[in-house]
Amino acid sequence: MSQADPNCLFCKIVEGTIPSRKVYEDEEILVFHDIHPWAPVHFLMIPKRHVTSLAHVGDEHAPLLGRMLALAPRLALQEGCRPYPEGGHRVVINTGAEGGQEVHHLHVHVMGGPRPWLKG
């Protein structure tokens, strides 16, 4: 896993050369609002270190992915999703061209809010 890809949009967001509306940040994870939201609540969770896709994840990434998924429900509530079971949120990881991945830096979409949404 390399530190950063100089041509990667999300690596540039991590570096601060492209602005974002941050939701959360720690040493390993950056979370920011999607610029083209599909739902009333829509944010992206990314590892700060460049990982191309879920297809490039190995056992060494398990703790990071676990932290990201454990953080998602708390941030979903913080950003306006209603609590489970009446509310809730959706977690999506697009992988590869046929999986709909547009930015080749691993990212987790977290979406929620009143239905219907534009996509999903």
N, C-alpha and C. Protein backbone atom coordinates (compact mmCIF):
# COMPACT_ATOMS: atom_id res chain seq x y z
N MET A 1 0.85 -1.17 0.00
CA MET A 1 0.00 0.00 0.00
C MET A 1 0.90 1.23 0.00
N SER A 2 0.80 2.04 -1.04
CA SER A 2 1.61 3.25 -1.12
C SER A 2 0.98 4.35 -0.27
N GLN A 3 1.77 5.35 0.03
CA GLN A 3 1.28 6.47 0.83
C GLN A 3 0.23 7.28 0.08
N ALA A 4 0.54 7.66 -1.16
CA ALA A 4 -0.38 8.49 -1.94
C ALA A 4 -0.09 8.30 -3.42
N ASP A 5 -1.10 8.52 -4.23
CA ASP A 5 -0.97 8.52 -5.69
C ASP A 5 -1.12 9.97 -6.12
N PRO A 6 -0.08 10.56 -6.73
CA PRO A 6 -0.14 11.98 -7.07
C PRO A 6 -1.23 12.34 -8.08
N ASN A 7 -1.78 11.36 -8.78
CA ASN A 7 -2.84 11.61 -9.76
C ASN A 7 -4.23 11.31 -9.22
N CYS A 8 -4.33 10.90 -7.96
CA CYS A 8 -5.60 10.47 -7.36
C CYS A 8 -6.35 11.64 -6.75
N LEU A 9 -7.61 11.83 -7.16
CA LEU A 9 -8.45 12.90 -6.63
C LEU A 9 -8.56 12.83 -5.11
N PHE A 10 -8.80 11.63 -4.56
CA PHE A 10 -8.98 11.51 -3.12
C PHE A 10 -7.67 11.70 -2.36
N CYS A 11 -6.54 11.31 -2.94
CA CYS A 11 -5.25 11.60 -2.29
C CYS A 11 -5.03 13.10 -2.21
N LYS A 12 -5.47 13.82 -3.24
CA LYS A 12 -5.36 15.28 -3.23
C LYS A 12 -6.26 15.89 -2.17
N ILE A 13 -7.43 15.29 -1.94
CA ILE A 13 -8.31 15.76 -0.87
C ILE A 13 -7.66 15.51 0.49
N VAL A 14 -7.05 14.34 0.66
CA VAL A 14 -6.34 14.03 1.91
C VAL A 14 -5.22 15.05 2.15
N GLU A 15 -4.49 15.39 1.10
CA GLU A 15 -3.38 16.35 1.21
C GLU A 15 -3.86 17.78 1.44
N GLY A 16 -5.13 18.05 1.14
CA GLY A 16 -5.67 19.39 1.31
C GLY A 16 -5.52 20.27 0.09
N THR A 17 -5.03 19.72 -1.03
CA THR A 17 -4.89 20.53 -2.24
C THR A 17 -6.22 20.68 -2.98
N ILE A 18 -7.17 19.80 -2.69
CA ILE A 18 -8.55 19.95 -3.17
C ILE A 18 -9.42 20.03 -1.92
N PRO A 19 -10.27 21.06 -1.82
CA PRO A 19 -11.08 21.22 -0.61
C PRO A 19 -12.20 20.18 -0.51
N SER A 20 -12.62 19.95 0.72
CA SER A 20 -13.76 19.07 0.99
C SER A 20 -14.48 19.58 2.23
N ARG A 21 -15.72 19.14 2.38
CA ARG A 21 -16.49 19.44 3.59
C ARG A 21 -16.33 18.25 4.52
N LYS A 22 -15.40 18.36 5.44
CA LYS A 22 -15.06 17.25 6.32
C LYS A 22 -16.16 16.95 7.32
N VAL A 23 -16.34 15.65 7.55
CA VAL A 23 -17.26 15.14 8.56
C VAL A 23 -16.45 14.64 9.76
N TYR A 24 -15.30 14.00 9.46
CA TYR A 24 -14.49 13.35 10.49
C TYR A 24 -13.09 13.16 9.93
N GLU A 25 -12.11 13.18 10.84
CA GLU A 25 -10.73 12.89 10.43
C GLU A 25 -9.96 12.37 11.63
N ASP A 26 -9.15 11.34 11.37
CA ASP A 26 -8.17 10.88 12.36
C ASP A 26 -6.89 10.53 11.62
N GLU A 27 -6.00 9.79 12.23
CA GLU A 27 -4.70 9.49 11.63
C GLU A 27 -4.82 8.66 10.36
N GLU A 28 -5.83 7.81 10.27
CA GLU A 28 -5.94 6.85 9.17
C GLU A 28 -7.12 7.09 8.23
N ILE A 29 -8.12 7.82 8.69
CA ILE A 29 -9.40 7.91 7.97
C ILE A 29 -9.79 9.38 7.77
N LEU A 30 -10.32 9.66 6.58
CA LEU A 30 -10.92 10.96 6.29
C LEU A 30 -12.33 10.71 5.82
N VAL A 31 -13.27 11.50 6.33
CA VAL A 31 -14.68 11.38 5.95
C VAL A 31 -15.15 12.76 5.51
N PHE A 32 -15.81 12.80 4.35
CA PHE A 32 -16.26 14.09 3.82
C PHE A 32 -17.55 13.90 3.02
N HIS A 33 -18.29 15.01 2.87
CA HIS A 33 -19.55 14.98 2.13
C HIS A 33 -19.30 14.73 0.65
N ASP A 34 -20.17 13.94 0.03
CA ASP A 34 -20.11 13.71 -1.41
C ASP A 34 -20.54 14.99 -2.13
N ILE A 35 -19.82 15.36 -3.19
CA ILE A 35 -20.18 16.60 -3.89
C ILE A 35 -21.39 16.42 -4.81
N HIS A 36 -21.77 15.18 -5.10
CA HIS A 36 -22.97 14.89 -5.88
C HIS A 36 -23.81 13.88 -5.11
N PRO A 37 -24.46 14.30 -4.02
CA PRO A 37 -25.16 13.34 -3.15
C PRO A 37 -26.33 12.66 -3.84
N TRP A 38 -26.51 11.38 -3.53
CA TRP A 38 -27.63 10.58 -4.02
C TRP A 38 -28.76 10.54 -3.01
N ALA A 39 -28.49 10.98 -1.78
CA ALA A 39 -29.46 10.90 -0.69
C ALA A 39 -29.31 12.14 0.17
N PRO A 40 -30.31 12.42 1.02
CA PRO A 40 -30.21 13.59 1.91
C PRO A 40 -28.93 13.59 2.77
N VAL A 41 -28.51 12.42 3.22
CA VAL A 41 -27.22 12.27 3.90
C VAL A 41 -26.36 11.41 2.99
N HIS A 42 -25.20 11.89 2.58
CA HIS A 42 -24.30 11.12 1.72
C HIS A 42 -22.89 11.61 1.95
N PHE A 43 -22.10 10.76 2.58
CA PHE A 43 -20.70 11.09 2.79
C PHE A 43 -19.83 9.90 2.40
N LEU A 44 -18.55 10.19 2.19
CA LEU A 44 -17.57 9.18 1.81
C LEU A 44 -16.56 9.00 2.92
N MET A 45 -16.19 7.76 3.15
CA MET A 45 -15.14 7.41 4.11
C MET A 45 -13.98 6.83 3.31
N ILE A 46 -12.78 7.39 3.49
CA ILE A 46 -11.63 6.89 2.76
C ILE A 46 -10.45 6.66 3.70
N PRO A 47 -9.61 5.67 3.37
CA PRO A 47 -8.34 5.58 4.09
C PRO A 47 -7.44 6.70 3.59
N LYS A 48 -6.65 7.27 4.47
CA LYS A 48 -5.74 8.34 4.06
C LYS A 48 -4.62 7.82 3.17
N ARG A 49 -4.19 6.60 3.42
CA ARG A 49 -3.18 5.99 2.56
C ARG A 49 -3.88 5.41 1.34
N HIS A 50 -3.27 5.55 0.19
CA HIS A 50 -3.90 5.11 -1.06
C HIS A 50 -4.03 3.59 -1.12
N VAL A 51 -5.26 3.14 -1.26
CA VAL A 51 -5.60 1.76 -1.58
C VAL A 51 -6.51 1.88 -2.79
N THR A 52 -6.18 1.22 -3.88
CA THR A 52 -6.89 1.43 -5.14
C THR A 52 -8.35 1.04 -5.08
N SER A 53 -8.65 -0.13 -4.51
CA SER A 53 -10.03 -0.60 -4.47
C SER A 53 -10.16 -1.70 -3.43
N LEU A 54 -11.39 -2.15 -3.22
CA LEU A 54 -11.61 -3.28 -2.32
C LEU A 54 -10.92 -4.53 -2.85
N ALA A 55 -10.74 -4.62 -4.17
CA ALA A 55 -10.03 -5.75 -4.77
C ALA A 55 -8.55 -5.77 -4.39
N HIS A 56 -8.03 -4.67 -3.88
CA HIS A 56 -6.62 -4.57 -3.50
C HIS A 56 -6.40 -4.70 -1.99
N VAL A 57 -7.44 -5.02 -1.27
CA VAL A 57 -7.37 -5.13 0.19
C VAL A 57 -6.84 -6.51 0.58
N GLY A 58 -5.96 -6.51 1.57
CA GLY A 58 -5.43 -7.76 2.12
C GLY A 58 -5.75 -7.85 3.60
N ASP A 59 -5.31 -8.93 4.21
CA ASP A 59 -5.55 -9.14 5.64
C ASP A 59 -5.04 -7.97 6.49
N GLU A 60 -3.98 -7.33 6.04
CA GLU A 60 -3.40 -6.22 6.80
C GLU A 60 -4.33 -5.01 6.87
N HIS A 61 -5.33 -4.97 5.99
CA HIS A 61 -6.28 -3.85 5.99
C HIS A 61 -7.50 -4.10 6.88
N ALA A 62 -7.63 -5.31 7.41
CA ALA A 62 -8.83 -5.66 8.20
C ALA A 62 -9.07 -4.71 9.38
N PRO A 63 -8.06 -4.36 10.17
CA PRO A 63 -8.34 -3.42 11.27
C PRO A 63 -8.85 -2.06 10.79
N LEU A 64 -8.29 -1.53 9.72
CA LEU A 64 -8.73 -0.25 9.18
C LEU A 64 -10.16 -0.34 8.68
N LEU A 65 -10.49 -1.37 7.91
CA LEU A 65 -11.85 -1.52 7.39
C LEU A 65 -12.85 -1.73 8.53
N GLY A 66 -12.45 -2.47 9.54
CA GLY A 66 -13.31 -2.66 10.70
C GLY A 66 -13.60 -1.35 11.40
N ARG A 67 -12.59 -0.52 11.57
CA ARG A 67 -12.78 0.80 12.19
C ARG A 67 -13.71 1.66 11.35
N MET A 68 -13.54 1.62 10.03
CA MET A 68 -14.39 2.43 9.15
C MET A 68 -15.85 2.00 9.26
N LEU A 69 -16.09 0.70 9.22
CA LEU A 69 -17.48 0.21 9.30
C LEU A 69 -18.08 0.44 10.68
N ALA A 70 -17.28 0.37 11.72
CA ALA A 70 -17.79 0.64 13.06
C ALA A 70 -18.10 2.13 13.25
N LEU A 71 -17.39 2.99 12.55
CA LEU A 71 -17.59 4.43 12.63
C LEU A 71 -18.81 4.89 11.84
N ALA A 72 -19.15 4.18 10.79
CA ALA A 72 -20.23 4.59 9.88
C ALA A 72 -21.56 4.88 10.58
N PRO A 73 -22.06 4.00 11.45
CA PRO A 73 -23.36 4.28 12.09
C PRO A 73 -23.35 5.54 12.96
N ARG A 74 -22.27 5.76 13.67
CA ARG A 74 -22.18 6.95 14.53
C ARG A 74 -22.19 8.22 13.69
N LEU A 75 -21.42 8.23 12.60
CA LEU A 75 -21.38 9.40 11.73
C LEU A 75 -22.70 9.59 10.99
N ALA A 76 -23.36 8.48 10.62
CA ALA A 76 -24.67 8.59 9.95
C ALA A 76 -25.67 9.30 10.86
N LEU A 77 -25.70 8.94 12.13
CA LEU A 77 -26.59 9.61 13.08
C LEU A 77 -26.19 11.08 13.24
N GLN A 78 -24.91 11.32 13.38
CA GLN A 78 -24.40 12.69 13.54
C GLN A 78 -24.81 13.57 12.36
N GLU A 79 -24.83 12.99 11.15
CA GLU A 79 -25.11 13.77 9.95
C GLU A 79 -26.59 13.86 9.60
N GLY A 80 -27.46 13.22 10.40
CA GLY A 80 -28.88 13.41 10.21
C GLY A 80 -29.72 12.19 9.91
N CYS A 81 -29.11 11.02 9.83
CA CYS A 81 -29.91 9.80 9.65
C CYS A 81 -30.68 9.49 10.93
N ARG A 82 -31.88 8.98 10.77
CA ARG A 82 -32.67 8.57 11.94
C ARG A 82 -32.15 7.23 12.45
N PRO A 83 -32.34 6.93 13.73
CA PRO A 83 -31.82 5.69 14.30
C PRO A 83 -32.52 4.44 13.76
N TYR A 84 -31.80 3.35 13.81
CA TYR A 84 -32.32 2.01 13.51
C TYR A 84 -33.37 1.66 14.54
N PRO A 85 -34.46 0.97 14.24
CA PRO A 85 -34.78 0.33 12.97
C PRO A 85 -35.65 1.18 12.05
N GLU A 86 -36.29 2.25 12.54
CA GLU A 86 -37.16 3.04 11.68
C GLU A 86 -36.35 3.82 10.65
N GLY A 87 -35.21 4.32 11.05
CA GLY A 87 -34.32 5.06 10.16
C GLY A 87 -33.31 4.12 9.56
N GLY A 88 -32.06 4.53 9.63
CA GLY A 88 -30.99 3.68 9.12
C GLY A 88 -30.20 4.38 8.04
N HIS A 89 -29.33 3.62 7.42
CA HIS A 89 -28.46 4.14 6.39
C HIS A 89 -27.99 2.99 5.51
N ARG A 90 -27.40 3.32 4.39
CA ARG A 90 -26.89 2.33 3.46
C ARG A 90 -25.38 2.52 3.34
N VAL A 91 -24.64 1.41 3.27
CA VAL A 91 -23.19 1.43 3.10
C VAL A 91 -22.87 0.72 1.79
N VAL A 92 -22.13 1.40 0.91
CA VAL A 92 -21.83 0.84 -0.41
C VAL A 92 -20.34 1.04 -0.71
N ILE A 93 -19.72 -0.03 -1.22
CA ILE A 93 -18.35 0.06 -1.71
C ILE A 93 -18.36 -0.42 -3.16
N ASN A 94 -18.23 0.50 -4.10
CA ASN A 94 -18.15 0.14 -5.52
C ASN A 94 -16.72 -0.31 -5.81
N THR A 95 -16.59 -1.40 -6.58
CA THR A 95 -15.28 -1.98 -6.85
C THR A 95 -15.13 -2.26 -8.34
N GLY A 96 -14.19 -1.60 -8.98
CA GLY A 96 -13.92 -1.83 -10.39
C GLY A 96 -14.96 -1.20 -11.30
N ALA A 97 -14.65 -1.22 -12.60
CA ALA A 97 -15.52 -0.59 -13.60
C ALA A 97 -16.92 -1.18 -13.58
N GLU A 98 -17.04 -2.50 -13.56
CA GLU A 98 -18.36 -3.12 -13.58
C GLU A 98 -19.09 -2.96 -12.26
N GLY A 99 -18.36 -2.64 -11.19
CA GLY A 99 -18.98 -2.37 -9.90
C GLY A 99 -19.34 -0.92 -9.70
N GLY A 100 -19.06 -0.08 -10.70
CA GLY A 100 -19.44 1.33 -10.63
C GLY A 100 -18.42 2.23 -9.97
N GLN A 101 -17.20 1.75 -9.75
CA GLN A 101 -16.18 2.59 -9.12
C GLN A 101 -15.70 3.65 -10.09
N GLU A 102 -15.81 4.91 -9.71
CA GLU A 102 -15.39 6.02 -10.57
C GLU A 102 -14.06 6.62 -10.15
N VAL A 103 -13.79 6.67 -8.85
CA VAL A 103 -12.51 7.15 -8.34
C VAL A 103 -11.77 5.93 -7.80
N HIS A 104 -10.57 5.71 -8.31
CA HIS A 104 -9.84 4.49 -7.96
C HIS A 104 -8.97 4.71 -6.72
N HIS A 105 -9.67 4.97 -5.63
CA HIS A 105 -9.14 5.04 -4.27
C HIS A 105 -10.28 4.46 -3.44
N LEU A 106 -10.01 3.43 -2.68
CA LEU A 106 -11.04 2.78 -1.89
C LEU A 106 -11.88 3.81 -1.14
N HIS A 107 -13.19 3.72 -1.28
CA HIS A 107 -14.07 4.63 -0.55
C HIS A 107 -15.38 3.93 -0.24
N VAL A 108 -15.93 4.30 0.90
CA VAL A 108 -17.18 3.75 1.39
C VAL A 108 -18.22 4.88 1.34
N HIS A 109 -19.30 4.64 0.59
CA HIS A 109 -20.41 5.59 0.57
C HIS A 109 -21.33 5.26 1.74
N VAL A 110 -21.72 6.27 2.50
CA VAL A 110 -22.73 6.11 3.55
C VAL A 110 -23.86 7.07 3.19
N MET A 111 -25.06 6.49 3.01
CA MET A 111 -26.21 7.27 2.55
C MET A 111 -27.41 6.99 3.43
N GLY A 112 -28.22 8.01 3.64
CA GLY A 112 -29.42 7.83 4.43
C GLY A 112 -30.32 9.04 4.32
N GLY A 113 -31.39 8.99 5.09
CA GLY A 113 -32.37 10.05 5.06
C GLY A 113 -33.65 9.57 4.40
N PRO A 114 -34.66 10.40 4.38
CA PRO A 114 -35.95 10.00 3.83
C PRO A 114 -35.85 9.51 2.39
N ARG A 115 -36.57 8.48 2.07
CA ARG A 115 -36.65 7.94 0.70
C ARG A 115 -37.73 8.67 -0.06
N PRO A 116 -37.78 8.69 -1.37
CA PRO A 116 -36.88 7.97 -2.27
C PRO A 116 -35.61 8.76 -2.54
N TRP A 117 -34.53 8.03 -2.79
CA TRP A 117 -33.26 8.64 -3.16
C TRP A 117 -33.13 8.64 -4.66
N LEU A 118 -32.15 9.39 -5.13
CA LEU A 118 -31.93 9.45 -6.58
C LEU A 118 -31.45 8.12 -7.13
N LYS A 119 -30.57 7.44 -6.39
CA LYS A 119 -30.01 6.16 -6.83
C LYS A 119 -29.99 5.22 -5.64
N GLY A 120 -29.82 3.94 -5.93
CA GLY A 120 -29.60 2.96 -4.88
C GLY A 120 -30.83 2.36 -4.33
